[in-house]
Amino acid sequence: MIREEAARLRNEYESIGLDAPEMAEDPITEFQEWFAGALAAQLHEPNAFVLATVDADGMPSARAVLMKDLSADGIVFYTGMSSRKSEAMRSHPVAAATFVWTPLHRQVRFEGDVAQVSDEEADAYFASRPRGAQVAAHASRQSSLVADRDELDRRFTDLSSELGDQVPRPEHWGGWRLTPRVVEFWQGRPNRFHDRIRYRRDGSAWVKERLAP
């Protein structure tokens, strides 16, 4: 049933294609509509995206993370603040994000500036997490070296006993917001003659442009 719905939507999207004048005036509104389509297709973790950063030495790296909030200011994700990705974003506060919904033959790319979310935002989201995930955030200094899995498991067990029912957010855990300068919507079309519509920030306005496939 899930595959049937995804296939139906994919066929519909491919047959209609993308027409810039018919798309929303801003990319966040358009993305919300695309995300609603991914939810309707019951895709597995449609909020997953690949985040690309570049570190102080100019070395790029990419990894999959989960979008946890979306607003006119961009997309929000949470992570360890001592992680490789966080260190990179502190050195170069820019990033790129790519959502790929293969069953729908759709892709959305964000490029822009990143900044840490407020402590209040991070606290509120952390409080909504399951207790196990809260304990895990305390137990892991993300991207640091560990001797083996047993060491991690011991930390988790010890902290699970030490921490109370109300687990506070650890100082080494927080969130980032990617505010886009560019957002590109990619729709698969027959004969690999795909549609690509790019939104580009121009002052306070957005400019829509069609790119060759």
C-alpha atoms as a PDB file:
ATOM      1  CA  MET A   1       0.000   0.000   0.000  1.00  0.00           C
ATOM      2  CA  ILE A   2       2.813   2.404   0.888  1.00  0.00           C
ATOM      3  CA  ARG A   3       4.662   1.556  -2.335  1.00  0.00           C
ATOM      4  CA  GLU A   4       1.442   2.069  -4.314  1.00  0.00           C
ATOM      5  CA  GLU A   5       0.924   5.552  -2.862  1.00  0.00           C
ATOM      6  CA  ALA A   6       4.538   6.539  -3.521  1.00  0.00           C
ATOM      7  CA  ALA A   7       4.293   5.232  -7.084  1.00  0.00           C
ATOM      8  CA  ARG A   8       1.040   7.108  -7.678  1.00  0.00           C
ATOM      9  CA  LEU A   9       2.534  10.365  -6.416  1.00  0.00           C
ATOM     10  CA  ARG A  10       5.747   9.853  -8.356  1.00  0.00           C
ATOM     11  CA  ASN A  11       3.835   9.340 -11.609  1.00  0.00           C
ATOM     12  CA  GLU A  12       1.720  12.405 -10.874  1.00  0.00           C
ATOM     13  CA  TYR A  13       4.731  14.572 -10.054  1.00  0.00           C
ATOM     14  CA  GLU A  14       6.654  13.396 -13.118  1.00  0.00           C
ATOM     15  CA  SER A  15       3.744  13.991 -15.484  1.00  0.00           C
ATOM     16  CA  ILE A  16       3.025  17.498 -14.173  1.00  0.00           C
ATOM     17  CA  GLY A  17       6.638  18.578 -13.748  1.00  0.00           C
ATOM     18  CA  LEU A  18       7.723  21.940 -12.331  1.00  0.00           C
ATOM     19  CA  ASP A  19       6.566  25.333 -13.593  1.00  0.00           C
ATOM     20  CA  ALA A  20       8.311  28.208 -11.793  1.00  0.00           C
ATOM     21  CA  PRO A  21       5.362  30.667 -12.004  1.00  0.00           C
ATOM     22  CA  GLU A  22       3.110  28.061 -10.367  1.00  0.00           C
ATOM     23  CA  MET A  23       5.490  27.480  -7.456  1.00  0.00           C
ATOM     24  CA  ALA A  24       5.366  29.400  -4.153  1.00  0.00           C
ATOM     25  CA  GLU A  25       7.030  32.800  -3.946  1.00  0.00           C
ATOM     26  CA  ASP A  26       9.455  31.592  -1.291  1.00  0.00           C
ATOM     27  CA  PRO A  27      11.277  28.250  -1.005  1.00  0.00           C
ATOM     28  CA  ILE A  28      10.232  27.411   2.547  1.00  0.00           C
ATOM     29  CA  THR A  29       6.544  27.472   1.604  1.00  0.00           C
ATOM     30  CA  GLU A  30       7.287  25.328  -1.442  1.00  0.00           C
ATOM     31  CA  PHE A  31       9.365  22.937   0.652  1.00  0.00           C
ATOM     32  CA  GLN A  32       6.519  22.554   3.134  1.00  0.00           C
ATOM     33  CA  GLU A  33       4.284  21.391   0.279  1.00  0.00           C
ATOM     34  CA  TRP A  34       6.925  18.921  -0.924  1.00  0.00           C
ATOM     35  CA  PHE A  35       7.462  17.635   2.591  1.00  0.00           C
ATOM     36  CA  ALA A  36       3.714  17.105   2.967  1.00  0.00           C
ATOM     37  CA  GLY A  37       3.884  14.955  -0.176  1.00  0.00           C
ATOM     38  CA  ALA A  38       6.711  12.884   1.310  1.00  0.00           C
ATOM     39  CA  LEU A  39       4.632  12.381   4.467  1.00  0.00           C
ATOM     40  CA  ALA A  40       1.580  11.390   2.408  1.00  0.00           C
ATOM     41  CA  ALA A  41       3.698   8.766   0.627  1.00  0.00           C
ATOM     42  CA  GLN A  42       4.647   7.383   4.067  1.00  0.00           C
ATOM     43  CA  LEU A  43       8.343   7.439   3.240  1.00  0.00           C
ATOM     44  CA  HIS A  44      10.733   6.241   5.936  1.00  0.00           C
ATOM     45  CA  GLU A  45      12.128   9.256   7.824  1.00  0.00           C
ATOM     46  CA  PRO A  46      11.345  11.897   5.190  1.00  0.00           C
ATOM     47  CA  ASN A  47      12.995  14.465   7.501  1.00  0.00           C
ATOM     48  CA  ALA A  48      16.406  12.844   6.968  1.00  0.00           C
ATOM     49  CA  PHE A  49      18.898  14.847   4.942  1.00  0.00           C
ATOM     50  CA  VAL A  50      22.607  14.867   4.142  1.00  0.00           C
ATOM     51  CA  LEU A  51      24.451  17.768   5.746  1.00  0.00           C
ATOM     52  CA  ALA A  52      27.704  18.924   4.138  1.00  0.00           C
ATOM     53  CA  THR A  53      30.241  21.131   5.924  1.00  0.00           C
ATOM     54  CA  VAL A  54      33.833  22.232   5.462  1.00  0.00           C
ATOM     55  CA  ASP A  55      36.359  22.378   8.304  1.00  0.00           C
ATOM     56  CA  ALA A  56      39.103  24.873   9.179  1.00  0.00           C
ATOM     57  CA  ASP A  57      41.516  23.072   6.824  1.00  0.00           C
ATOM     58  CA  GLY A  58      39.085  23.204   3.911  1.00  0.00           C
ATOM     59  CA  MET A  59      38.233  19.504   4.132  1.00  0.00           C
ATOM     60  CA  PRO A  60      34.585  18.765   3.260  1.00  0.00           C
ATOM     61  CA  SER A  61      32.538  16.119   5.034  1.00  0.00           C
ATOM     62  CA  ALA A  62      28.939  14.951   4.845  1.00  0.00           C
ATOM     63  CA  ARG A  63      26.614  12.902   7.023  1.00  0.00           C
ATOM     64  CA  ALA A  64      22.909  12.164   7.439  1.00  0.00           C
ATOM     65  CA  VAL A  65      20.981  14.026  10.153  1.00  0.00           C
ATOM     66  CA  LEU A  66      17.312  14.665  10.942  1.00  0.00           C
ATOM     67  CA  MET A  67      15.394  17.908  10.500  1.00  0.00           C
ATOM     68  CA  LYS A  68      13.589  18.690  13.759  1.00  0.00           C
ATOM     69  CA  ASP A  69      12.062  22.068  12.975  1.00  0.00           C
ATOM     70  CA  LEU A  70      11.203  24.156   9.925  1.00  0.00           C
ATOM     71  CA  SER A  71      10.326  27.843   9.786  1.00  0.00           C
ATOM     72  CA  ALA A  72      10.748  30.861   7.560  1.00  0.00           C
ATOM     73  CA  ASP A  73      14.271  31.120   8.986  1.00  0.00           C
ATOM     74  CA  GLY A  74      15.280  27.665   7.734  1.00  0.00           C
ATOM     75  CA  ILE A  75      15.773  24.111   8.959  1.00  0.00           C
ATOM     76  CA  VAL A  76      16.906  23.038  12.440  1.00  0.00           C
ATOM     77  CA  PHE A  77      18.804  19.936  13.525  1.00  0.00           C
ATOM     78  CA  TYR A  78      20.396  18.870  16.801  1.00  0.00           C
ATOM     79  CA  THR A  79      23.778  17.311  17.545  1.00  0.00           C
ATOM     80  CA  GLY A  80      26.762  17.236  19.866  1.00  0.00           C
ATOM     81  CA  MET A  81      28.387  20.647  20.027  1.00  0.00           C
ATOM     82  CA  SER A  82      31.859  19.083  20.193  1.00  0.00           C
ATOM     83  CA  SER A  83      31.195  16.894  17.144  1.00  0.00           C
ATOM     84  CA  ARG A  84      33.145  17.178  13.916  1.00  0.00           C
ATOM     85  CA  LYS A  85      30.218  18.849  12.176  1.00  0.00           C
ATOM     86  CA  SER A  86      29.808  21.441  14.944  1.00  0.00           C
ATOM     87  CA  GLU A  87      33.529  22.236  14.977  1.00  0.00           C
ATOM     88  CA  ALA A  88      33.413  22.687  11.203  1.00  0.00           C
ATOM     89  CA  MET A  89      30.404  24.998  11.345  1.00  0.00           C
ATOM     90  CA  ARG A  90      32.056  27.117  14.000  1.00  0.00           C
ATOM     91  CA  SER A  91      35.094  27.487  11.713  1.00  0.00           C
ATOM     92  CA  HIS A  92      33.033  28.120   8.582  1.00  0.00           C
ATOM     93  CA  PRO A  93      29.411  28.985   9.447  1.00  0.00           C
ATOM     94  CA  VAL A  94      27.986  27.757   6.154  1.00  0.00           C
ATOM     95  CA  ALA A  95      26.527  24.400   5.132  1.00  0.00           C
ATOM     96  CA  ALA A  96      24.549  22.542   2.493  1.00  0.00           C
ATOM     97  CA  ALA A  97      21.648  20.158   3.038  1.00  0.00           C
ATOM     98  CA  THR A  98      20.149  17.665   0.593  1.00  0.00           C
ATOM     99  CA  PHE A  99      16.831  15.867   1.014  1.00  0.00           C
ATOM    100  CA  VAL A 100      16.465  12.881  -1.330  1.00  0.00           C
ATOM    101  CA  TRP A 101      13.053  11.207  -1.689  1.00  0.00           C
ATOM    102  CA  THR A 102      13.935   8.537  -4.241  1.00  0.00           C
ATOM    103  CA  PRO A 103      10.500   6.826  -4.401  1.00  0.00           C
ATOM    104  CA  LEU A 104       9.026  10.184  -5.439  1.00  0.00           C
ATOM    105  CA  HIS A 105      11.935  10.998  -7.756  1.00  0.00           C
ATOM    106  CA  ARG A 106      12.395  14.283  -5.887  1.00  0.00           C
ATOM    107  CA  GLN A 107      15.310  16.132  -4.325  1.00  0.00           C
ATOM    108  CA  VAL A 108      15.662  19.470  -2.518  1.00  0.00           C
ATOM    109  CA  ARG A 109      18.994  21.183  -1.884  1.00  0.00           C
ATOM    110  CA  PHE A 110      19.663  23.998   0.608  1.00  0.00           C
ATOM    111  CA  GLU A 111      22.793  26.150   0.745  1.00  0.00           C
ATOM    112  CA  GLY A 112      23.289  28.895   3.280  1.00  0.00           C
ATOM    113  CA  ASP A 113      24.435  30.167   6.633  1.00  0.00           C
ATOM    114  CA  VAL A 114      24.333  28.279   9.937  1.00  0.00           C
ATOM    115  CA  ALA A 115      24.021  29.523  13.513  1.00  0.00           C
ATOM    116  CA  GLN A 116      23.335  27.867  16.843  1.00  0.00           C
ATOM    117  CA  VAL A 117      19.747  27.909  18.053  1.00  0.00           C
ATOM    118  CA  SER A 118      19.009  29.587  21.384  1.00  0.00           C
ATOM    119  CA  ASP A 119      19.389  27.724  24.660  1.00  0.00           C
ATOM    120  CA  GLU A 120      15.630  28.018  25.112  1.00  0.00           C
ATOM    121  CA  GLU A 121      14.951  26.264  21.794  1.00  0.00           C
ATOM    122  CA  ALA A 122      17.492  23.543  22.545  1.00  0.00           C
ATOM    123  CA  ASP A 123      16.097  23.015  26.061  1.00  0.00           C
ATOM    124  CA  ALA A 124      12.546  22.720  24.771  1.00  0.00           C
ATOM    125  CA  TYR A 125      13.443  20.158  22.133  1.00  0.00           C
ATOM    126  CA  PHE A 126      15.676  18.164  24.495  1.00  0.00           C
ATOM    127  CA  ALA A 127      12.827  17.938  27.011  1.00  0.00           C
ATOM    128  CA  SER A 128      10.637  16.347  24.314  1.00  0.00           C
ATOM    129  CA  ARG A 129      13.088  13.493  23.646  1.00  0.00           C
ATOM    130  CA  PRO A 130      12.650  10.007  25.128  1.00  0.00           C
ATOM    131  CA  ARG A 131      14.626   9.549  28.353  1.00  0.00           C
ATOM    132  CA  GLY A 132      16.937   6.994  26.731  1.00  0.00           C
ATOM    133  CA  ALA A 133      17.932   9.503  24.067  1.00  0.00           C
ATOM    134  CA  GLN A 134      18.484  12.127  26.766  1.00  0.00           C
ATOM    135  CA  VAL A 135      20.788   9.802  28.698  1.00  0.00           C
ATOM    136  CA  ALA A 136      22.636   8.901  25.505  1.00  0.00           C
ATOM    137  CA  ALA A 137      23.329  12.593  24.844  1.00  0.00           C
ATOM    138  CA  HIS A 138      25.020  12.801  28.265  1.00  0.00           C
ATOM    139  CA  ALA A 139      26.943   9.567  27.725  1.00  0.00           C
ATOM    140  CA  SER A 140      28.415  10.479  24.353  1.00  0.00           C
ATOM    141  CA  ARG A 141      30.949  13.157  23.500  1.00  0.00           C
ATOM    142  CA  GLN A 142      30.138  12.900  19.827  1.00  0.00           C
ATOM    143  CA  SER A 143      33.097  12.234  17.492  1.00  0.00           C
ATOM    144  CA  SER A 144      35.553  11.652  20.371  1.00  0.00           C
ATOM    145  CA  LEU A 145      37.630   8.447  20.501  1.00  0.00           C
ATOM    146  CA  VAL A 146      36.436   5.582  22.724  1.00  0.00           C
ATOM    147  CA  ALA A 147      38.171   2.313  23.577  1.00  0.00           C
ATOM    148  CA  ASP A 148      35.273   0.047  22.636  1.00  0.00           C
ATOM    149  CA  ARG A 149      31.495  -0.364  22.707  1.00  0.00           C
ATOM    150  CA  ASP A 150      31.643  -1.614  26.292  1.00  0.00           C
ATOM    151  CA  GLU A 151      32.964   1.762  27.421  1.00  0.00           C
ATOM    152  CA  LEU A 152      29.978   3.503  25.869  1.00  0.00           C
ATOM    153  CA  ASP A 153      27.529   1.002  27.336  1.00  0.00           C
ATOM    154  CA  ARG A 154      29.040   1.439  30.813  1.00  0.00           C
ATOM    155  CA  ARG A 155      28.700   5.213  30.570  1.00  0.00           C
ATOM    156  CA  PHE A 156      25.079   4.876  29.552  1.00  0.00           C
ATOM    157  CA  THR A 157      24.269   2.448  32.368  1.00  0.00           C
ATOM    158  CA  ASP A 158      26.012   4.560  35.001  1.00  0.00           C
ATOM    159  CA  LEU A 159      24.370   7.796  33.888  1.00  0.00           C
ATOM    160  CA  SER A 160      20.975   6.167  33.567  1.00  0.00           C
ATOM    161  CA  SER A 161      21.178   5.386  37.278  1.00  0.00           C
ATOM    162  CA  GLU A 162      22.653   8.750  38.270  1.00  0.00           C
ATOM    163  CA  LEU A 163      20.360  11.073  36.351  1.00  0.00           C
ATOM    164  CA  GLY A 164      16.891  11.713  37.720  1.00  0.00           C
ATOM    165  CA  ASP A 165      13.570  11.479  35.929  1.00  0.00           C
ATOM    166  CA  GLN A 166      13.967  15.047  34.635  1.00  0.00           C
ATOM    167  CA  VAL A 167      17.177  14.852  32.601  1.00  0.00           C
ATOM    168  CA  PRO A 168      18.709  18.293  31.929  1.00  0.00           C
ATOM    169  CA  ARG A 169      20.236  19.128  28.553  1.00  0.00           C
ATOM    170  CA  PRO A 170      24.017  18.642  28.665  1.00  0.00           C
ATOM    171  CA  GLU A 171      26.122  21.679  27.813  1.00  0.00           C
ATOM    172  CA  HIS A 172      27.825  19.750  24.995  1.00  0.00           C
ATOM    173  CA  TRP A 173      24.535  19.189  23.097  1.00  0.00           C
ATOM    174  CA  GLY A 174      22.526  21.711  21.118  1.00  0.00           C
ATOM    175  CA  GLY A 175      21.051  22.711  17.797  1.00  0.00           C
ATOM    176  CA  TRP A 176      21.917  24.481  14.557  1.00  0.00           C
ATOM    177  CA  ARG A 177      19.735  26.392  12.108  1.00  0.00           C
ATOM    178  CA  LEU A 178      20.562  26.511   8.398  1.00  0.00           C
ATOM    179  CA  THR A 179      19.166  29.699   6.864  1.00  0.00           C
ATOM    180  CA  PRO A 180      19.249  29.280   3.081  1.00  0.00           C
ATOM    181  CA  ARG A 181      20.606  31.641   0.493  1.00  0.00           C
ATOM    182  CA  VAL A 182      19.812  29.135  -2.274  1.00  0.00           C
ATOM    183  CA  VAL A 183      17.239  26.328  -2.478  1.00  0.00           C
ATOM    184  CA  GLU A 184      16.921  24.054  -5.501  1.00  0.00           C
ATOM    185  CA  PHE A 185      13.948  21.789  -6.252  1.00  0.00           C
ATOM    186  CA  TRP A 186      14.647  18.814  -8.501  1.00  0.00           C
ATOM    187  CA  GLN A 187      11.870  16.758 -10.078  1.00  0.00           C
ATOM    188  CA  GLY A 188      12.552  13.653 -12.141  1.00  0.00           C
ATOM    189  CA  ARG A 189      11.068  13.632 -15.629  1.00  0.00           C
ATOM    190  CA  PRO A 190      11.030  11.079 -18.479  1.00  0.00           C
ATOM    191  CA  ASN A 191      14.189  10.527 -20.534  1.00  0.00           C
ATOM    192  CA  ARG A 192      16.286  11.959 -17.671  1.00  0.00           C
ATOM    193  CA  PHE A 193      15.213  15.400 -18.915  1.00  0.00           C
ATOM    194  CA  HIS A 194      14.557  16.569 -15.393  1.00  0.00           C
ATOM    195  CA  ASP A 195      13.149  19.823 -13.992  1.00  0.00           C
ATOM    196  CA  ARG A 196      15.311  22.030 -11.768  1.00  0.00           C
ATOM    197  CA  ILE A 197      13.977  25.245 -10.241  1.00  0.00           C
ATOM    198  CA  ARG A 198      16.337  27.302  -8.098  1.00  0.00           C
ATOM    199  CA  TYR A 199      15.348  29.974  -5.589  1.00  0.00           C
ATOM    200  CA  ARG A 200      18.125  32.499  -5.047  1.00  0.00           C
ATOM    201  CA  ARG A 201      18.086  35.150  -2.319  1.00  0.00           C
ATOM    202  CA  ASP A 202      18.312  38.678  -3.725  1.00  0.00           C
ATOM    203  CA  GLY A 203      18.167  41.132  -0.851  1.00  0.00           C
ATOM    204  CA  SER A 204      14.870  40.531   0.927  1.00  0.00           C
ATOM    205  CA  ALA A 205      13.307  38.831  -2.106  1.00  0.00           C
ATOM    206  CA  TRP A 206      13.641  35.445  -3.773  1.00  0.00           C
ATOM    207  CA  VAL A 207      14.387  35.001  -7.478  1.00  0.00           C
ATOM    208  CA  LYS A 208      13.190  31.808  -9.202  1.00  0.00           C
ATOM    209  CA  GLU A 209      15.338  30.430 -12.023  1.00  0.00           C
ATOM    210  CA  ARG A 210      15.175  27.320 -14.193  1.00  0.00           C
ATOM    211  CA  LEU A 211      18.389  25.324 -14.570  1.00  0.00           C
ATOM    212  CA  ALA A 212      19.242  22.858 -17.323  1.00  0.00           C
ATOM    213  CA  PRO A 213      19.097  19.228 -16.167  1.00  0.00           C
END
